[in-house]
């Protein structure tokens, strides 16, 4: 019985010898990354989409905790978008282990004219944090357009709707809507997609 215990003990010691250097290496690699915290004071900022170096990463309010923004050292372009507002564009240069806090303020884009007659699109899409684009323009994330009393309002006519999220295949469809028409779009995004810009 003793030799078996000795073998198990030896196996545990060998396993520790392999895992400890890996744990140290993992901790060191985290010290290389810098963190960016985006802060918005109104619902407009908090629900705005965030792009890092041209890649959609989520909406501002959700980018914390396990979804916080960690970047490699160097220059990065951060863009925050919301339908009907001008893009907030900020260039950052990250140092290893640095944390930068950026205050995001969205300014109304008065060139955007909202339609007086609309059609309504209800979204039932999973995951509900995915970005929604209408005719190539970011308009929000799915959760903003689902549920009681919530819908995406668009002008009557033909529209291309794209729903995209990193790690999932993008979903695209074209719909033609009449004035005051109500339409429901249902889909589940499929994991494993190619990142969309």
Protein backbone atom coordinates (compact mmCIF):
# COMPACT_ATOMS: atom_id res chain seq x y z
CA UNK A 1 0.00 0.00 0.00
CA UNK A 2 2.90 2.38 0.74
CA UNK A 3 4.36 2.23 -2.79
CA UNK A 4 0.97 3.21 -4.27
CA UNK A 5 0.72 6.21 -1.88
CA UNK A 6 4.29 7.20 -2.76
CA UNK A 7 3.44 7.04 -6.48
CA UNK A 8 0.34 9.23 -5.97
CA UNK A 9 2.38 11.71 -3.96
CA UNK A 10 5.04 11.78 -6.67
CA UNK A 11 2.34 12.37 -9.32
CA UNK A 12 0.97 15.31 -7.31
CA UNK A 13 4.45 16.84 -6.94
CA UNK A 14 5.12 16.49 -10.68
CA UNK A 15 1.74 18.06 -11.50
CA UNK A 16 2.53 21.01 -9.23
CA UNK A 17 5.94 21.42 -10.89
CA UNK A 18 4.17 21.76 -14.26
CA UNK A 19 1.27 23.98 -13.11
CA UNK A 20 3.17 26.51 -10.97
CA UNK A 21 5.32 27.89 -13.82
CA UNK A 22 2.18 28.10 -16.00
CA UNK A 23 0.34 30.05 -13.29
CA UNK A 24 3.30 32.45 -12.94
CA UNK A 25 3.45 32.91 -16.71
CA UNK A 26 -0.30 33.63 -16.82
CA UNK A 27 0.00 36.22 -14.03
CA UNK A 28 2.92 37.90 -15.82
CA UNK A 29 1.03 38.08 -19.12
CA UNK A 30 -1.86 39.92 -17.37
CA UNK A 31 0.65 42.57 -16.22
CA UNK A 32 1.36 43.32 -19.88
CA UNK A 33 -2.22 44.30 -20.69
CA UNK A 34 -3.63 47.76 -19.99
CA UNK A 35 -7.25 48.44 -19.03
CA UNK A 36 -9.62 51.03 -20.48
CA UNK A 37 -12.72 51.95 -18.50
CA UNK A 38 -15.42 53.83 -20.42
CA UNK A 39 -17.77 55.94 -18.31
CA UNK A 40 -21.05 57.43 -19.54
CA UNK A 41 -23.51 59.44 -17.47
CA UNK A 42 -26.76 59.07 -19.45
CA UNK A 43 -28.71 56.17 -20.94
CA UNK A 44 -27.56 57.30 -24.40
CA UNK A 45 -23.90 56.75 -23.53
CA UNK A 46 -24.54 53.57 -21.53
CA UNK A 47 -26.38 51.88 -24.42
CA UNK A 48 -23.96 53.05 -27.13
CA UNK A 49 -21.90 50.49 -29.04
CA UNK A 50 -18.13 50.34 -28.60
CA UNK A 51 -15.56 49.51 -31.29
CA UNK A 52 -11.87 48.93 -30.54
CA UNK A 53 -9.58 49.15 -33.57
CA UNK A 54 -12.59 48.62 -35.86
CA UNK A 55 -14.01 45.60 -33.99
CA UNK A 56 -17.36 45.79 -32.17
CA UNK A 57 -16.86 44.61 -28.56
CA UNK A 58 -20.24 45.35 -26.93
CA UNK A 59 -22.19 48.25 -25.49
CA UNK A 60 -20.66 50.62 -22.97
CA UNK A 61 -22.62 49.66 -19.85
CA UNK A 62 -21.73 45.95 -20.11
CA UNK A 63 -17.98 46.42 -20.58
CA UNK A 64 -16.85 45.82 -17.01
CA UNK A 65 -16.07 42.90 -14.72
CA UNK A 66 -15.34 39.81 -16.83
CA UNK A 67 -16.05 41.88 -19.96
CA UNK A 68 -13.70 44.76 -19.10
CA UNK A 69 -11.57 46.15 -21.91
CA UNK A 70 -7.99 44.85 -21.77
CA UNK A 71 -5.59 46.05 -24.47
CA UNK A 72 -2.03 45.29 -25.50
CA UNK A 73 0.48 48.13 -25.10
CA UNK A 74 0.49 50.56 -28.02
CA UNK A 75 -1.92 52.83 -29.90
CA UNK A 76 -5.62 51.96 -30.16
CA UNK A 77 -8.68 53.65 -31.66
CA UNK A 78 -11.85 53.61 -29.54
CA UNK A 79 -15.12 54.60 -31.23
CA UNK A 80 -18.49 54.81 -29.46
CA UNK A 81 -21.62 54.94 -31.68
CA UNK A 82 -25.34 55.50 -31.23
CA UNK A 83 -28.01 56.06 -33.86
CA UNK A 84 -28.86 59.77 -34.18
CA UNK A 85 -25.62 60.86 -32.46
CA UNK A 86 -22.15 61.79 -33.69
CA UNK A 87 -19.45 59.17 -33.16
CA UNK A 88 -17.25 59.63 -30.09
CA UNK A 89 -13.71 58.87 -31.26
CA UNK A 90 -10.77 58.62 -28.87
CA UNK A 91 -7.20 57.55 -29.59
CA UNK A 92 -5.33 55.98 -26.67
CA UNK A 93 -1.75 54.84 -26.16
CA UNK A 94 -1.58 52.06 -23.59
CA UNK A 95 1.39 51.20 -21.36
CA UNK A 96 1.80 47.77 -19.71
CA UNK A 97 -0.42 47.44 -16.63
CA UNK A 98 -1.88 50.94 -17.07
CA UNK A 99 -5.54 51.82 -16.47
CA UNK A 100 -7.17 54.71 -18.35
CA UNK A 101 -10.64 56.08 -17.59
CA UNK A 102 -12.37 57.77 -20.53
CA UNK A 103 -15.52 59.86 -20.05
CA UNK A 104 -17.82 59.36 -23.04
CA UNK A 105 -20.20 62.14 -24.09
CA UNK A 106 -22.48 61.63 -27.08
CA UNK A 107 -23.56 64.72 -29.07
CA UNK A 108 -26.82 64.80 -31.06
CA UNK A 109 -26.34 64.70 -34.83
CA UNK A 110 -28.83 67.25 -36.10
CA UNK A 111 -28.26 66.14 -39.69
CA UNK A 112 -30.18 62.93 -38.93
CA UNK A 113 -33.86 63.30 -39.75
CA UNK A 114 -36.16 60.81 -38.04
CA UNK A 115 -39.10 59.61 -40.16
CA UNK A 116 -42.55 60.94 -39.29
CA UNK A 117 -44.22 57.75 -40.57
CA UNK A 118 -42.66 54.52 -39.34
CA UNK A 119 -42.87 50.74 -39.30
CA UNK A 120 -42.04 48.72 -36.20
CA UNK A 121 -39.55 45.84 -35.92
CA UNK A 122 -39.60 43.75 -32.73
CA UNK A 123 -36.39 41.80 -32.14
CA UNK A 124 -36.27 38.42 -30.49
CA UNK A 125 -32.59 37.55 -30.89
CA UNK A 126 -30.14 35.66 -28.72
CA UNK A 127 -27.70 36.77 -27.41
CA UNK A 128 -29.40 40.08 -26.74
CA UNK A 129 -26.12 42.01 -26.43
CA UNK A 130 -25.50 41.75 -30.20
CA UNK A 131 -25.19 44.94 -32.27
CA UNK A 132 -28.05 45.92 -34.60
CA UNK A 133 -27.38 47.68 -37.90
CA UNK A 134 -30.03 49.06 -40.27
CA UNK A 135 -28.75 49.76 -43.78
CA UNK A 136 -25.17 49.63 -42.46
CA UNK A 137 -25.74 52.12 -39.61
CA UNK A 138 -25.42 51.03 -35.96
CA UNK A 139 -28.73 51.70 -34.16
CA UNK A 140 -28.22 49.92 -30.82
CA UNK A 141 -28.06 46.45 -29.31
CA UNK A 142 -30.82 43.82 -29.39
CA UNK A 143 -31.94 44.27 -25.76
CA UNK A 144 -33.01 47.84 -26.56
CA UNK A 145 -35.59 46.58 -29.08
CA UNK A 146 -37.17 43.61 -27.33
CA UNK A 147 -39.83 43.36 -24.70
CA UNK A 148 -43.06 45.16 -23.94
CA UNK A 149 -43.27 48.67 -25.38
CA UNK A 150 -39.89 48.42 -27.15
CA UNK A 151 -39.28 48.17 -30.90
CA UNK A 152 -36.99 49.39 -33.65
CA UNK A 153 -38.72 52.15 -35.63
CA UNK A 154 -37.77 52.48 -39.29
CA UNK A 155 -39.09 54.37 -42.30
CA UNK A 156 -41.40 52.32 -44.55
CA UNK A 157 -39.64 50.61 -47.45
CA UNK A 158 -36.81 48.14 -47.96
CA UNK A 159 -34.12 47.77 -45.28
CA UNK A 160 -31.12 45.52 -44.67
CA UNK A 161 -30.87 44.45 -41.02
CA UNK A 162 -27.60 42.99 -39.73
CA UNK A 163 -27.08 41.56 -36.26
CA UNK A 164 -23.47 41.00 -35.24
CA UNK A 165 -21.46 39.97 -32.19
CA UNK A 166 -17.81 38.84 -31.94
CA UNK A 167 -17.56 35.06 -31.71
CA UNK A 168 -20.83 34.53 -33.61
CA UNK A 169 -21.81 34.39 -37.26
CA UNK A 170 -23.50 37.62 -38.32
CA UNK A 171 -27.16 37.42 -39.28
CA UNK A 172 -28.39 39.47 -42.25
CA UNK A 173 -31.83 39.85 -43.74
CA UNK A 174 -33.69 42.25 -46.00
CA UNK A 175 -37.24 43.28 -45.20
CA UNK A 176 -39.76 45.52 -46.94
CA UNK A 177 -42.22 47.21 -44.62
CA UNK A 178 -45.36 49.27 -45.18
CA UNK A 179 -46.28 52.33 -43.11
CA UNK A 180 -47.41 51.37 -39.57
CA UNK A 181 -46.60 47.69 -40.20
CA UNK A 182 -45.41 45.59 -37.26
CA UNK A 183 -42.80 42.91 -37.93
CA UNK A 184 -41.05 40.46 -35.61
CA UNK A 185 -37.53 39.23 -36.34
CA UNK A 186 -36.53 36.04 -34.47
CA UNK A 187 -33.16 34.31 -34.62
CA UNK A 188 -30.39 32.79 -32.52
CA UNK A 189 -26.87 33.73 -33.57
CA UNK A 190 -24.62 30.76 -34.27
CA UNK A 191 -21.32 30.56 -32.36
CA UNK A 192 -18.01 30.53 -34.17
CA UNK A 193 -18.36 33.33 -36.68
CA UNK A 194 -15.69 35.45 -38.29
CA UNK A 195 -15.35 38.91 -36.68
CA UNK A 196 -17.21 41.68 -38.53
CA UNK A 197 -15.95 45.28 -38.77
